[in-house]
C-alpha atoms as a PDB file:
ATOM      1  CA  ILE A   1       0.000   0.000   0.000  1.00  0.00           C
ATOM      2  CA  GLN A   2       2.820   2.407   0.828  1.00  0.00           C
ATOM      3  CA  ASN A   3       4.068   2.329  -2.776  1.00  0.00           C
ATOM      4  CA  ARG A   4       0.662   3.331  -4.126  1.00  0.00           C
ATOM      5  CA  LEU A   5       0.276   6.264  -1.722  1.00  0.00           C
ATOM      6  CA  ASP A   6       3.444   8.206  -2.468  1.00  0.00           C
ATOM      7  CA  TYR A   7       1.402  11.413  -2.782  1.00  0.00           C
ATOM      8  CA  VAL A   8       0.007  11.052   0.758  1.00  0.00           C
ATOM      9  CA  ASN A   9       2.001  12.325   3.694  1.00  0.00           C
ATOM     10  CA  GLY A  10       0.765  10.858   6.965  1.00  0.00           C
ATOM     11  CA  VAL A  11       1.540  12.797  10.111  1.00  0.00           C
ATOM     12  CA  PHE A  12       0.929  11.400  13.582  1.00  0.00           C
ATOM     13  CA  PHE A  13       0.261  13.584  16.578  1.00  0.00           C
ATOM     14  CA  PRO A  14       2.428  12.997  19.603  1.00  0.00           C
ATOM     15  CA  PRO A  15       0.842  10.824  22.316  1.00  0.00           C
ATOM     16  CA  THR A  16      -1.655  12.515  24.660  1.00  0.00           C
ATOM     17  CA  THR A  17      -2.193  15.577  22.435  1.00  0.00           C
ATOM     18  CA  THR A  18      -5.604  14.573  21.089  1.00  0.00           C
ATOM     19  CA  SER A  19      -7.421  15.947  24.127  1.00  0.00           C
ATOM     20  CA  ILE A  20      -5.647  19.262  23.620  1.00  0.00           C
ATOM     21  CA  ILE A  21      -6.299  19.532  19.878  1.00  0.00           C
ATOM     22  CA  GLN A  22      -9.624  17.783  19.309  1.00  0.00           C
ATOM     23  CA  PRO A  23     -12.235  19.460  21.569  1.00  0.00           C
ATOM     24  CA  CYS A  24     -12.439  22.483  19.293  1.00  0.00           C
ATOM     25  CA  GLU A  25     -12.785  20.348  16.198  1.00  0.00           C
ATOM     26  CA  ALA A  26     -15.216  17.907  17.812  1.00  0.00           C
ATOM     27  CA  SER A  27     -17.708  20.629  18.716  1.00  0.00           C
ATOM     28  CA  ILE A  28     -17.598  22.168  15.247  1.00  0.00           C
ATOM     29  CA  ILE A  29     -17.942  18.754  13.607  1.00  0.00           C
ATOM     30  CA  THR A  30     -20.920  17.995  15.853  1.00  0.00           C
ATOM     31  CA  ALA A  31     -22.646  21.199  14.734  1.00  0.00           C
ATOM     32  CA  PHE A  32     -21.942  20.326  11.087  1.00  0.00           C
ATOM     33  CA  LYS A  33     -23.288  16.777  11.497  1.00  0.00           C
ATOM     34  CA  LEU A  34     -26.469  17.998  13.178  1.00  0.00           C
ATOM     35  CA  ASN A  35     -27.081  20.430  10.317  1.00  0.00           C
ATOM     36  CA  TYR A  36     -26.406  17.710   7.734  1.00  0.00           C
ATOM     37  CA  ARG A  37     -28.733  15.221   9.411  1.00  0.00           C
ATOM     38  CA  ARG A  38     -31.470  17.848   9.636  1.00  0.00           C
ATOM     39  CA  LEU A  39     -31.230  18.472   5.891  1.00  0.00           C
ATOM     40  CA  MET A  40     -31.158  14.757   5.086  1.00  0.00           C
ATOM     41  CA  LEU A  41     -34.150  14.028   7.320  1.00  0.00           C
ATOM     42  CA  ARG A  42     -36.065  16.854   5.683  1.00  0.00           C
ATOM     43  CA  LYS A  43     -35.421  15.217   2.288  1.00  0.00           C
ATOM     44  CA  VAL A  44     -36.413  11.760   3.561  1.00  0.00           C
ATOM     45  CA  GLY A  45     -39.524  13.229   5.183  1.00  0.00           C
ATOM     46  CA  GLY A  46     -40.466  14.790   1.857  1.00  0.00           C
ATOM     47  CA  LEU A  47     -40.071  11.418   0.181  1.00  0.00           C
ATOM     48  CA  ALA A  48     -42.274   9.812   2.835  1.00  0.00           C
ATOM     49  CA  ASP A  49     -45.025  12.308   1.997  1.00  0.00           C
ATOM     50  CA  ASP A  50     -44.720  11.730  -1.761  1.00  0.00           C
ATOM     51  CA  PRO A  51     -47.868   9.890  -2.992  1.00  0.00           C
ATOM     52  CA  ASN A  52     -45.899   8.456  -5.940  1.00  0.00           C
ATOM     53  CA  ILE A  53     -43.611   6.483  -3.621  1.00  0.00           C
ATOM     54  CA  GLU A  54     -45.227   3.261  -2.447  1.00  0.00           C
ATOM     55  CA  LYS A  55     -42.509   2.041  -0.087  1.00  0.00           C
ATOM     56  CA  LEU A  56     -39.739   4.072   1.526  1.00  0.00           C
ATOM     57  CA  ASP A  57     -36.824   1.664   1.725  1.00  0.00           C
ATOM     58  CA  THR A  58     -33.102   1.702   0.973  1.00  0.00           C
ATOM     59  CA  ASN A  59     -33.610   1.216  -2.761  1.00  0.00           C
ATOM     60  CA  THR A  60     -36.051   4.120  -2.908  1.00  0.00           C
ATOM     61  CA  LEU A  61     -33.583   6.333  -1.063  1.00  0.00           C
ATOM     62  CA  LYS A  62     -30.792   5.325  -3.456  1.00  0.00           C
ATOM     63  CA  LYS A  63     -32.970   6.295  -6.411  1.00  0.00           C
ATOM     64  CA  ASN A  64     -34.017   9.643  -4.939  1.00  0.00           C
ATOM     65  CA  ILE A  65     -30.915  10.856  -3.101  1.00  0.00           C
ATOM     66  CA  ASN A  66     -27.735  11.036  -5.146  1.00  0.00           C
ATOM     67  CA  MET A  67     -24.193  12.274  -4.561  1.00  0.00           C
ATOM     68  CA  LEU A  68     -25.093  15.749  -5.782  1.00  0.00           C
ATOM     69  CA  HIS A  69     -27.774  15.984  -3.073  1.00  0.00           C
ATOM     70  CA  CYS A  70     -25.277  14.845  -0.439  1.00  0.00           C
ATOM     71  CA  LEU A  71     -22.679  17.378  -1.543  1.00  0.00           C
ATOM     72  CA  GLN A  72     -25.272  20.151  -1.544  1.00  0.00           C
ATOM     73  CA  TYR A  73     -26.367  19.140   1.955  1.00  0.00           C
ATOM     74  CA  ALA A  74     -22.729  19.170   3.100  1.00  0.00           C
ATOM     75  CA  LYS A  75     -22.249  22.656   1.650  1.00  0.00           C
ATOM     76  CA  ASP A  76     -25.458  23.926   3.232  1.00  0.00           C
ATOM     77  CA  ALA A  77     -24.667  22.230   6.546  1.00  0.00           C
ATOM     78  CA  TRP A  78     -21.233  23.846   6.671  1.00  0.00           C
ATOM     79  CA  GLN A  79     -22.679  27.258   5.798  1.00  0.00           C
ATOM     80  CA  SER A  80     -25.128  26.788   8.682  1.00  0.00           C
ATOM     81  CA  VAL A  81     -22.249  26.485  11.169  1.00  0.00           C
ATOM     82  CA  THR A  82     -22.151  30.053  12.411  1.00  0.00           C
ATOM     83  CA  GLU A  83     -19.134  32.128  13.288  1.00  0.00           C
ATOM     84  CA  THR A  84     -20.508  32.288  16.827  1.00  0.00           C
ATOM     85  CA  THR A  85     -20.537  28.482  17.012  1.00  0.00           C
ATOM     86  CA  VAL A  86     -16.881  28.365  15.979  1.00  0.00           C
ATOM     87  CA  GLN A  87     -15.936  31.104  18.434  1.00  0.00           C
ATOM     88  CA  ASN A  88     -17.806  29.394  21.277  1.00  0.00           C
ATOM     89  CA  CYS A  89     -16.127  26.079  20.509  1.00  0.00           C
ATOM     90  CA  CYS A  90     -12.650  27.549  20.325  1.00  0.00           C
ATOM     91  CA  TRP A  91     -12.668  30.389  22.815  1.00  0.00           C
ATOM     92  CA  VAL A  92      -9.867  28.793  24.831  1.00  0.00           C
ATOM     93  CA  ARG A  93      -7.656  28.177  21.783  1.00  0.00           C
ATOM     94  CA  CYS A  94      -8.360  31.284  19.658  1.00  0.00           C
END
């Protein structure tokens, strides 16, 4: 595998630094994930209300939610993470 990943440079954090570095990131990522899930659930809820869809299962979701939707939701979810959220998550570090 190493030979095929010459363009990737892996860097490991020193031991016991995760708790110092990650809390800021974890809170921001949590806000992003909540926004993304909200958007995805809104789409799924819309599909559930669609009279043309007989059964809402995995195959139906695959047919009605594509990668473009997911990327749009990711963009919208990130734009919904406010500057205040970032500042509140990182006030100790920033």
